Amino acid sequence: MDNFIMIPTSLITFKMPRSAMLLLGILYSNSRQLGYAYGTNKYYAKQLGCSTRTITKLLKYLVNNNYITIVNGNSFKRKIYIRNNVLIT
């Protein structure tokens, strides 16, 4: 079975950077089983083919624009939650 990411179509109309949209799709896909994503910046950087610094900036963008919430952000046990209003299409 192929892996894929889901991005709500309502997000495509916003001025969201495409890389942030892709990261949000990966976070959503990774959070489906436990309700939150927990990957490292290195993991997400490998998925998107970019640097960990870029992932840090994208996560900050997603937090600042209320797409995600990060609990224990400075810990190896961080949890990244997709905000419910993002999933409404």
N, C-alpha and C. Protein backbone atom coordinates (compact mmCIF):
# COMPACT_ATOMS: atom_id res chain seq x y z
N MET A 1 0.84 -1.17 0.00
CA MET A 1 0.00 0.00 0.00
C MET A 1 0.89 1.24 0.00
N ASP A 2 0.56 2.22 -0.82
CA ASP A 2 1.34 3.45 -0.91
C ASP A 2 0.99 4.39 0.24
N ASN A 3 1.99 5.13 0.69
CA ASN A 3 1.75 6.19 1.68
C ASN A 3 1.42 7.46 0.93
N PHE A 4 0.58 8.26 1.52
CA PHE A 4 0.23 9.53 0.90
C PHE A 4 -0.09 10.53 2.01
N ILE A 5 -0.10 11.81 1.64
CA ILE A 5 -0.46 12.83 2.60
C ILE A 5 -1.77 13.47 2.17
N MET A 6 -2.50 13.99 3.16
CA MET A 6 -3.77 14.65 2.88
C MET A 6 -3.65 16.12 3.24
N ILE A 7 -4.08 16.97 2.33
CA ILE A 7 -4.09 18.41 2.56
C ILE A 7 -5.50 18.90 2.27
N PRO A 8 -6.16 19.51 3.27
CA PRO A 8 -7.51 20.03 3.00
C PRO A 8 -7.49 21.02 1.83
N THR A 9 -8.42 20.87 0.92
CA THR A 9 -8.46 21.73 -0.26
C THR A 9 -8.66 23.19 0.10
N SER A 10 -9.27 23.46 1.26
CA SER A 10 -9.48 24.85 1.67
C SER A 10 -8.16 25.57 1.89
N LEU A 11 -7.10 24.86 2.21
CA LEU A 11 -5.80 25.49 2.45
C LEU A 11 -5.13 25.94 1.16
N ILE A 12 -5.49 25.36 0.05
CA ILE A 12 -4.84 25.67 -1.22
C ILE A 12 -5.12 27.11 -1.63
N THR A 13 -6.24 27.65 -1.24
CA THR A 13 -6.59 29.01 -1.64
C THR A 13 -5.87 30.08 -0.81
N PHE A 14 -5.33 29.71 0.35
CA PHE A 14 -4.62 30.67 1.19
C PHE A 14 -3.23 30.93 0.65
N LYS A 15 -2.60 31.95 1.17
CA LYS A 15 -1.24 32.32 0.76
C LYS A 15 -0.19 31.55 1.55
N MET A 16 -0.49 30.33 1.93
CA MET A 16 0.44 29.51 2.69
C MET A 16 1.58 29.05 1.77
N PRO A 17 2.83 29.14 2.25
CA PRO A 17 3.93 28.61 1.44
C PRO A 17 3.71 27.12 1.15
N ARG A 18 4.04 26.71 -0.05
CA ARG A 18 3.81 25.32 -0.45
C ARG A 18 4.53 24.32 0.46
N SER A 19 5.74 24.66 0.89
CA SER A 19 6.48 23.75 1.76
C SER A 19 5.78 23.61 3.12
N ALA A 20 5.17 24.69 3.61
CA ALA A 20 4.42 24.61 4.86
C ALA A 20 3.18 23.74 4.67
N MET A 21 2.55 23.85 3.51
CA MET A 21 1.38 23.04 3.21
C MET A 21 1.75 21.55 3.17
N LEU A 22 2.89 21.25 2.55
CA LEU A 22 3.34 19.86 2.50
C LEU A 22 3.68 19.33 3.89
N LEU A 23 4.36 20.14 4.69
CA LEU A 23 4.68 19.72 6.06
C LEU A 23 3.40 19.48 6.85
N LEU A 24 2.43 20.36 6.70
CA LEU A 24 1.16 20.18 7.40
C LEU A 24 0.50 18.87 6.97
N GLY A 25 0.56 18.53 5.69
CA GLY A 25 0.02 17.26 5.21
C GLY A 25 0.74 16.07 5.82
N ILE A 26 2.05 16.17 5.93
CA ILE A 26 2.83 15.08 6.56
C ILE A 26 2.48 14.97 8.04
N LEU A 27 2.39 16.11 8.72
CA LEU A 27 2.03 16.09 10.14
C LEU A 27 0.64 15.47 10.34
N TYR A 28 -0.30 15.85 9.48
CA TYR A 28 -1.65 15.29 9.57
C TYR A 28 -1.62 13.78 9.36
N SER A 29 -0.91 13.32 8.35
CA SER A 29 -0.82 11.90 8.08
C SER A 29 -0.18 11.15 9.25
N ASN A 30 0.85 11.74 9.84
CA ASN A 30 1.55 11.10 10.95
C ASN A 30 0.73 11.12 12.24
N SER A 31 -0.22 12.02 12.34
CA SER A 31 -0.99 12.14 13.57
C SER A 31 -2.28 11.32 13.56
N ARG A 32 -2.58 10.69 12.48
CA ARG A 32 -3.87 9.98 12.37
C ARG A 32 -4.00 8.84 13.36
N GLN A 33 -2.92 8.13 13.66
CA GLN A 33 -3.03 6.96 14.55
C GLN A 33 -3.11 7.36 16.03
N LEU A 34 -2.24 8.25 16.48
CA LEU A 34 -2.18 8.61 17.90
C LEU A 34 -2.88 9.93 18.22
N GLY A 35 -3.25 10.69 17.21
CA GLY A 35 -3.86 11.99 17.44
C GLY A 35 -2.85 13.12 17.47
N TYR A 36 -1.58 12.79 17.36
CA TYR A 36 -0.52 13.79 17.31
C TYR A 36 0.67 13.22 16.55
N ALA A 37 1.49 14.11 16.02
CA ALA A 37 2.73 13.71 15.34
C ALA A 37 3.88 13.92 16.32
N TYR A 38 4.92 13.13 16.18
CA TYR A 38 6.03 13.23 17.13
C TYR A 38 7.40 13.14 16.46
N GLY A 39 7.47 13.24 15.17
CA GLY A 39 8.74 13.12 14.46
C GLY A 39 9.70 14.26 14.78
N THR A 40 10.97 14.00 14.57
CA THR A 40 11.99 15.02 14.78
C THR A 40 12.08 15.93 13.56
N ASN A 41 12.72 17.06 13.74
CA ASN A 41 12.95 17.96 12.61
C ASN A 41 13.79 17.27 11.54
N LYS A 42 14.71 16.43 11.97
CA LYS A 42 15.55 15.69 11.02
C LYS A 42 14.68 14.75 10.17
N TYR A 43 13.74 14.08 10.79
CA TYR A 43 12.83 13.18 10.06
C TYR A 43 12.03 13.96 9.02
N TYR A 44 11.45 15.10 9.44
CA TYR A 44 10.64 15.87 8.51
C TYR A 44 11.49 16.50 7.41
N ALA A 45 12.71 16.89 7.75
CA ALA A 45 13.62 17.44 6.74
C ALA A 45 13.93 16.40 5.67
N LYS A 46 14.11 15.16 6.10
CA LYS A 46 14.38 14.08 5.14
C LYS A 46 13.16 13.85 4.25
N GLN A 47 11.98 13.92 4.83
CA GLN A 47 10.74 13.72 4.06
C GLN A 47 10.56 14.79 2.99
N LEU A 48 10.92 16.03 3.32
CA LEU A 48 10.72 17.15 2.39
C LEU A 48 11.97 17.49 1.58
N GLY A 49 13.08 16.87 1.90
CA GLY A 49 14.31 17.14 1.17
C GLY A 49 14.84 18.55 1.43
N CYS A 50 14.84 18.95 2.69
CA CYS A 50 15.30 20.29 3.05
C CYS A 50 16.12 20.20 4.34
N SER A 51 16.51 21.34 4.87
CA SER A 51 17.31 21.35 6.10
C SER A 51 16.42 21.35 7.34
N THR A 52 17.01 20.99 8.47
CA THR A 52 16.27 21.03 9.73
C THR A 52 15.94 22.48 10.10
N ARG A 53 16.77 23.41 9.68
CA ARG A 53 16.50 24.82 9.93
C ARG A 53 15.22 25.26 9.21
N THR A 54 15.03 24.76 7.99
CA THR A 54 13.82 25.06 7.24
C THR A 54 12.60 24.50 7.96
N ILE A 55 12.72 23.28 8.49
CA ILE A 55 11.61 22.67 9.23
C ILE A 55 11.27 23.51 10.45
N THR A 56 12.29 23.99 11.16
CA THR A 56 12.07 24.84 12.32
C THR A 56 11.27 26.08 11.93
N LYS A 57 11.64 26.71 10.83
CA LYS A 57 10.93 27.90 10.35
C LYS A 57 9.50 27.57 9.93
N LEU A 58 9.31 26.42 9.27
CA LEU A 58 7.97 26.03 8.84
C LEU A 58 7.08 25.72 10.03
N LEU A 59 7.62 25.03 11.03
CA LEU A 59 6.84 24.74 12.24
C LEU A 59 6.45 26.03 12.94
N LYS A 60 7.37 26.99 13.00
CA LYS A 60 7.07 28.28 13.62
C LYS A 60 5.95 28.99 12.85
N TYR A 61 6.02 28.93 11.51
CA TYR A 61 4.97 29.52 10.69
C TYR A 61 3.62 28.87 11.00
N LEU A 62 3.59 27.54 11.06
CA LEU A 62 2.34 26.81 11.31
C LEU A 62 1.78 27.11 12.70
N VAL A 63 2.65 27.25 13.69
CA VAL A 63 2.21 27.59 15.05
C VAL A 63 1.67 29.02 15.07
N ASN A 64 2.42 29.95 14.49
CA ASN A 64 2.03 31.37 14.52
C ASN A 64 0.73 31.65 13.76
N ASN A 65 0.39 30.79 12.81
CA ASN A 65 -0.84 30.96 12.04
C ASN A 65 -1.94 30.01 12.48
N ASN A 66 -1.77 29.41 13.66
CA ASN A 66 -2.78 28.56 14.31
C ASN A 66 -3.18 27.32 13.52
N TYR A 67 -2.23 26.75 12.80
CA TYR A 67 -2.50 25.48 12.12
C TYR A 67 -2.16 24.29 13.01
N ILE A 68 -1.15 24.46 13.87
CA ILE A 68 -0.73 23.38 14.76
C ILE A 68 -0.47 23.93 16.15
N THR A 69 -0.43 23.01 17.12
CA THR A 69 -0.03 23.30 18.49
C THR A 69 1.07 22.32 18.85
N ILE A 70 2.14 22.80 19.47
CA ILE A 70 3.23 21.93 19.88
C ILE A 70 3.29 21.92 21.40
N VAL A 71 3.26 20.72 21.98
CA VAL A 71 3.36 20.53 23.42
C VAL A 71 4.76 19.99 23.70
N ASN A 72 5.43 20.53 24.71
CA ASN A 72 6.81 20.15 25.04
C ASN A 72 7.73 20.40 23.85
N GLY A 73 7.65 21.57 23.28
CA GLY A 73 8.39 21.91 22.07
C GLY A 73 9.88 21.76 22.16
N ASN A 74 10.46 21.94 23.32
CA ASN A 74 11.91 21.84 23.46
C ASN A 74 12.35 20.49 24.01
N SER A 75 11.52 19.49 23.85
CA SER A 75 11.81 18.16 24.39
C SER A 75 11.82 17.13 23.26
N PHE A 76 12.49 16.03 23.51
CA PHE A 76 12.46 14.93 22.55
C PHE A 76 11.10 14.23 22.57
N LYS A 77 10.27 14.55 23.54
CA LYS A 77 8.94 13.95 23.64
C LYS A 77 7.85 14.92 23.20
N ARG A 78 8.19 15.83 22.29
CA ARG A 78 7.19 16.81 21.85
C ARG A 78 6.05 16.13 21.12
N LYS A 79 4.90 16.76 21.19
CA LYS A 79 3.71 16.29 20.49
C LYS A 79 3.20 17.44 19.64
N ILE A 80 2.94 17.15 18.37
CA ILE A 80 2.46 18.17 17.44
C ILE A 80 1.01 17.83 17.09
N TYR A 81 0.11 18.71 17.46
CA TYR A 81 -1.32 18.51 17.21
C TYR A 81 -1.78 19.41 16.07
N ILE A 82 -2.58 18.85 15.19
CA ILE A 82 -3.23 19.63 14.14
C ILE A 82 -4.46 20.28 14.77
N ARG A 83 -4.60 21.56 14.59
CA ARG A 83 -5.77 22.25 15.17
C ARG A 83 -7.03 21.83 14.41
N ASN A 84 -8.11 21.63 15.13
CA ASN A 84 -9.35 21.14 14.54
C ASN A 84 -9.89 22.02 13.43
N ASN A 85 -9.73 23.33 13.55
CA ASN A 85 -10.27 24.23 12.53
C ASN A 85 -9.56 24.07 11.18
N VAL A 86 -8.38 23.49 11.17
CA VAL A 86 -7.64 23.25 9.94
C VAL A 86 -8.29 22.13 9.12
N LEU A 87 -8.86 21.18 9.81
CA LEU A 87 -9.40 19.99 9.14
C LEU A 87 -10.78 20.21 8.55
N ILE A 88 -11.40 21.32 8.87
CA ILE A 88 -12.74 21.62 8.35
C ILE A 88 -12.58 22.18 6.94
N THR A 89 -13.18 21.52 5.99
CA THR A 89 -13.06 21.96 4.59
C THR A 89 -14.37 22.52 4.09
